[in-house]
Each structure stands twice: as structure tokens, then as C-alpha cells.
Amino acid sequence: MNIRIIQLGKDKDSWLKEAVQEYQKRLKPFCKLEILQLPDISVKETGNSELVKSKEGRAVLKKIEPTDHVVLLDERGLQKSSLEFSRFLTNISEAKRIVFVIGGVFGSSNELKDIANDCLSLSRMTFTHRMTRLILVEQIYRAMMINSGRQYHIE
């Protein structure tokens, strides 16, 4: 399985970066996981949040191939349990590459929403974009453990 996570914004916390790297290391036997960080656009630069979303969306779209299965993380997306998420990953594993997109501070552009194959929400709570990446990587790891019958996840 080939997975890419696209995130807007920079890493600011070394402890968070280390945690994500630990899960990347654990995932190596199960999938290729690439994390691509794109610079976020400052609202000061554009003057309004809609223009920020549009510019960020165009930057993300440049990193997506037509054969990618795009999963947009959005607060209005479908919520899944860890078991449902593991089945979801299995069902879309035939894709050349699965691309998870974590939008910017103001959310995702309509262009990104239009091309997304799926839209998921990790929780009804709001997380920082950096924490979202950690939670997503941990859930991908959990899904791999569930799918391989390992004892990481207890029902």
C-alpha cells in the first residue's frame, strides 16, 4: 500500500515530529508512507480566508495524480470507528496511491472537496493540523495492526 499525507503548515514541535516519525518507522513493513508538508498561506498575504483556501487548494492539487484515491479530512466528513477505518483502507488499497489531505487553518477549497473520493472526520472535536497528522498516522498504524491480526487493537 502506498500512502501520502499532504499537510499545510510547518512542524513546530519536536516531540510531535518524533511521534510521527515513530509511527512511520512502525509502518514500514506494511506500507510506504510519505508525508508532504506544504507551506501555508498567510491571510495577511491575501486579505481574506477564501483566497487563502483557494491558493492552498491549488498547491495541494499540484501534488495529486489522477490515479490517486483522495481522502479529504474535514470536520463535516464521515466518522468511522477504528475497525471501520481498517476495512475502509482495505477496500481502497487497490488504488495506486491513497492520498490523505489535511486542509489549512481555514479548511479546504471547494476544488479539493470536488476531487476528493472520500471525506472523513477524525472526531467531532477540533484538533490542530499538526495533532491531526499524528492522530491520522496512529490510526493508519492501528488499521494495519487490525488487518494483520496483531494485538494492538482490542475490540
Protein backbone atom coordinates (compact mmCIF):
# COMPACT_ATOMS: atom_id res chain seq x y z
CA MET A 1 0.00 0.00 0.00
CA ASN A 2 1.29 3.42 -0.95
CA ILE A 3 0.04 6.30 1.24
CA ARG A 4 0.77 10.01 1.08
CA ILE A 5 -0.35 12.58 3.64
CA ILE A 6 -0.42 16.17 2.45
CA GLN A 7 -0.46 18.76 5.19
CA LEU A 8 -0.32 22.53 5.08
CA GLY A 9 1.90 24.26 7.61
CA LYS A 10 5.23 23.67 9.31
CA ASP A 11 6.30 21.41 12.16
CA LYS A 12 6.94 23.49 15.24
CA ASP A 13 7.08 20.84 17.95
CA SER A 14 9.99 18.39 18.03
CA TRP A 15 8.11 15.94 20.29
CA LEU A 16 5.26 15.78 17.78
CA LYS A 17 7.63 15.27 14.87
CA GLU A 18 9.34 12.44 16.78
CA ALA A 19 5.99 10.75 17.49
CA VAL A 20 5.01 10.86 13.80
CA GLN A 21 8.44 9.50 12.82
CA GLU A 22 7.99 6.62 15.28
CA TYR A 23 4.74 5.60 13.58
CA GLN A 24 6.35 5.98 10.15
CA LYS A 25 9.05 3.57 11.28
CA ARG A 26 6.46 1.09 12.62
CA LEU A 27 4.52 1.26 9.34
CA LYS A 28 7.47 0.38 7.08
CA PRO A 29 6.67 -3.37 6.97
CA PHE A 30 3.05 -2.64 5.99
CA CYS A 31 3.05 0.31 3.61
CA LYS A 32 5.04 3.12 2.13
CA LEU A 33 4.05 6.30 3.96
CA GLU A 34 5.14 9.69 2.68
CA ILE A 35 4.32 12.93 4.47
CA LEU A 36 4.41 16.03 2.35
CA GLN A 37 4.26 19.41 4.07
CA LEU A 38 3.30 22.42 2.01
CA PRO A 39 3.70 25.99 3.23
CA ASP A 40 0.51 27.56 4.45
CA ILE A 41 -0.61 30.87 3.01
CA SER A 42 -0.86 33.85 5.34
CA VAL A 43 -4.16 35.69 5.47
CA LYS A 44 -2.06 38.87 5.68
CA GLU A 45 -0.72 37.98 2.24
CA THR A 46 -4.15 37.62 0.63
CA GLY A 47 -6.56 39.67 2.68
CA ASN A 48 -9.25 37.02 3.09
CA SER A 49 -9.74 33.40 4.13
CA GLU A 50 -11.45 32.29 0.90
CA LEU A 51 -8.43 33.36 -1.13
CA VAL A 52 -6.17 31.51 1.33
CA LYS A 53 -8.23 28.32 0.88
CA SER A 54 -8.14 28.71 -2.89
CA LYS A 55 -4.35 29.22 -3.07
CA GLU A 56 -3.66 26.37 -0.66
CA GLY A 57 -6.06 24.14 -2.58
CA ARG A 58 -4.24 24.81 -5.86
CA ALA A 59 -0.91 23.95 -4.19
CA VAL A 60 -2.33 20.64 -2.94
CA LEU A 61 -3.91 19.82 -6.31
CA LYS A 62 -0.47 20.05 -7.94
CA LYS A 63 0.66 17.15 -5.70
CA ILE A 64 -2.24 14.84 -6.61
CA GLU A 65 -2.22 12.46 -9.59
CA PRO A 66 -5.40 11.47 -11.48
CA THR A 67 -4.96 7.85 -10.32
CA ASP A 68 -4.76 8.80 -6.61
CA HIS A 69 -7.58 7.93 -4.25
CA VAL A 70 -8.03 11.21 -2.38
CA VAL A 71 -9.34 11.22 1.18
CA LEU A 72 -10.04 14.72 2.48
CA LEU A 73 -10.07 15.21 6.24
CA ASP A 74 -12.85 17.63 7.06
CA GLU A 75 -14.93 18.35 10.15
CA ARG A 76 -18.10 17.58 8.15
CA GLY A 77 -16.77 14.26 6.87
CA LEU A 78 -17.95 10.77 7.71
CA GLN A 79 -16.74 9.43 11.05
CA LYS A 80 -15.54 5.83 11.34
CA SER A 81 -14.52 3.62 14.22
CA SER A 82 -11.01 2.17 14.09
CA LEU A 83 -12.41 -1.15 12.83
CA GLU A 84 -14.43 0.62 10.12
CA PHE A 85 -11.36 2.65 9.15
CA SER A 86 -9.28 -0.55 8.82
CA ARG A 87 -11.92 -2.02 6.48
CA PHE A 88 -12.06 1.27 4.58
CA LEU A 89 -8.28 1.17 3.97
CA THR A 90 -8.55 -2.45 2.83
CA ASN A 91 -11.34 -1.55 0.41
CA ILE A 92 -9.37 1.28 -1.21
CA SER A 93 -5.98 -0.47 -1.09
CA GLU A 94 -6.21 -1.30 -4.81
CA ALA A 95 -5.60 2.37 -5.61
CA LYS A 96 -2.18 3.24 -6.98
CA ARG A 97 -1.78 5.64 -4.06
CA ILE A 98 -4.03 6.77 -1.24
CA VAL A 99 -3.65 10.48 -0.51
CA PHE A 100 -4.95 11.93 2.74
CA VAL A 101 -5.28 15.72 2.67
CA ILE A 102 -5.27 17.76 5.87
CA GLY A 103 -6.55 21.20 4.93
CA GLY A 104 -5.31 24.54 6.13
CA VAL A 105 -6.38 26.73 9.04
CA PHE A 106 -9.48 27.91 7.17
CA GLY A 107 -10.40 24.48 5.81
CA SER A 108 -10.23 23.12 2.28
CA SER A 109 -11.13 24.72 -1.02
CA ASN A 110 -14.18 23.66 -2.99
CA GLU A 111 -11.84 22.39 -5.72
CA LEU A 112 -10.31 19.94 -3.24
CA LYS A 113 -13.72 18.89 -1.99
CA ASP A 114 -14.84 18.29 -5.58
CA ILE A 115 -11.97 15.95 -6.46
CA ALA A 116 -11.95 14.02 -3.17
CA ASN A 117 -13.07 10.42 -3.43
CA ASP A 118 -13.94 10.35 0.27
CA CYS A 119 -14.31 12.85 3.08
CA LEU A 120 -13.56 11.74 6.63
CA SER A 121 -13.68 13.38 10.04
CA LEU A 122 -11.41 12.08 12.80
CA SER A 123 -13.69 13.44 15.51
CA ARG A 124 -16.39 15.98 16.25
CA MET A 125 -13.70 17.77 18.26
CA THR A 126 -11.29 20.23 16.67
CA PHE A 127 -7.57 19.41 16.60
CA THR A 128 -4.60 21.41 15.42
CA HIS A 129 -3.39 20.40 11.98
CA ARG A 130 -0.19 19.03 13.50
CA MET A 131 -2.11 16.89 16.00
CA THR A 132 -4.42 15.73 13.22
CA ARG A 133 -1.43 14.33 11.37
CA LEU A 134 -0.29 12.38 14.45
CA ILE A 135 -3.79 11.02 15.08
CA LEU A 136 -4.14 10.04 11.41
CA VAL A 137 -0.77 8.27 11.33
CA GLU A 138 -1.61 6.39 14.54
CA GLN A 139 -4.97 5.33 13.08
CA ILE A 140 -3.30 4.12 9.88
CA TYR A 141 -0.92 2.08 12.04
CA ARG A 142 -3.85 0.75 14.11
CA ALA A 143 -5.66 -0.23 10.89
CA MET A 144 -2.60 -2.14 9.68
CA MET A 145 -2.41 -3.97 13.01
CA ILE A 146 -6.12 -4.85 12.87
CA ASN A 147 -5.84 -6.05 9.27
CA SER A 148 -2.83 -8.23 10.07
CA GLY A 149 -4.44 -9.74 13.17
CA ARG A 150 -1.97 -8.18 15.61
CA GLN A 151 -2.89 -7.42 19.22
CA TYR A 152 -2.55 -3.63 19.02
CA HIS A 153 -6.30 -3.06 18.93
CA ILE A 154 -8.68 -4.68 21.41
CA GLU A 155 -12.36 -4.88 20.45
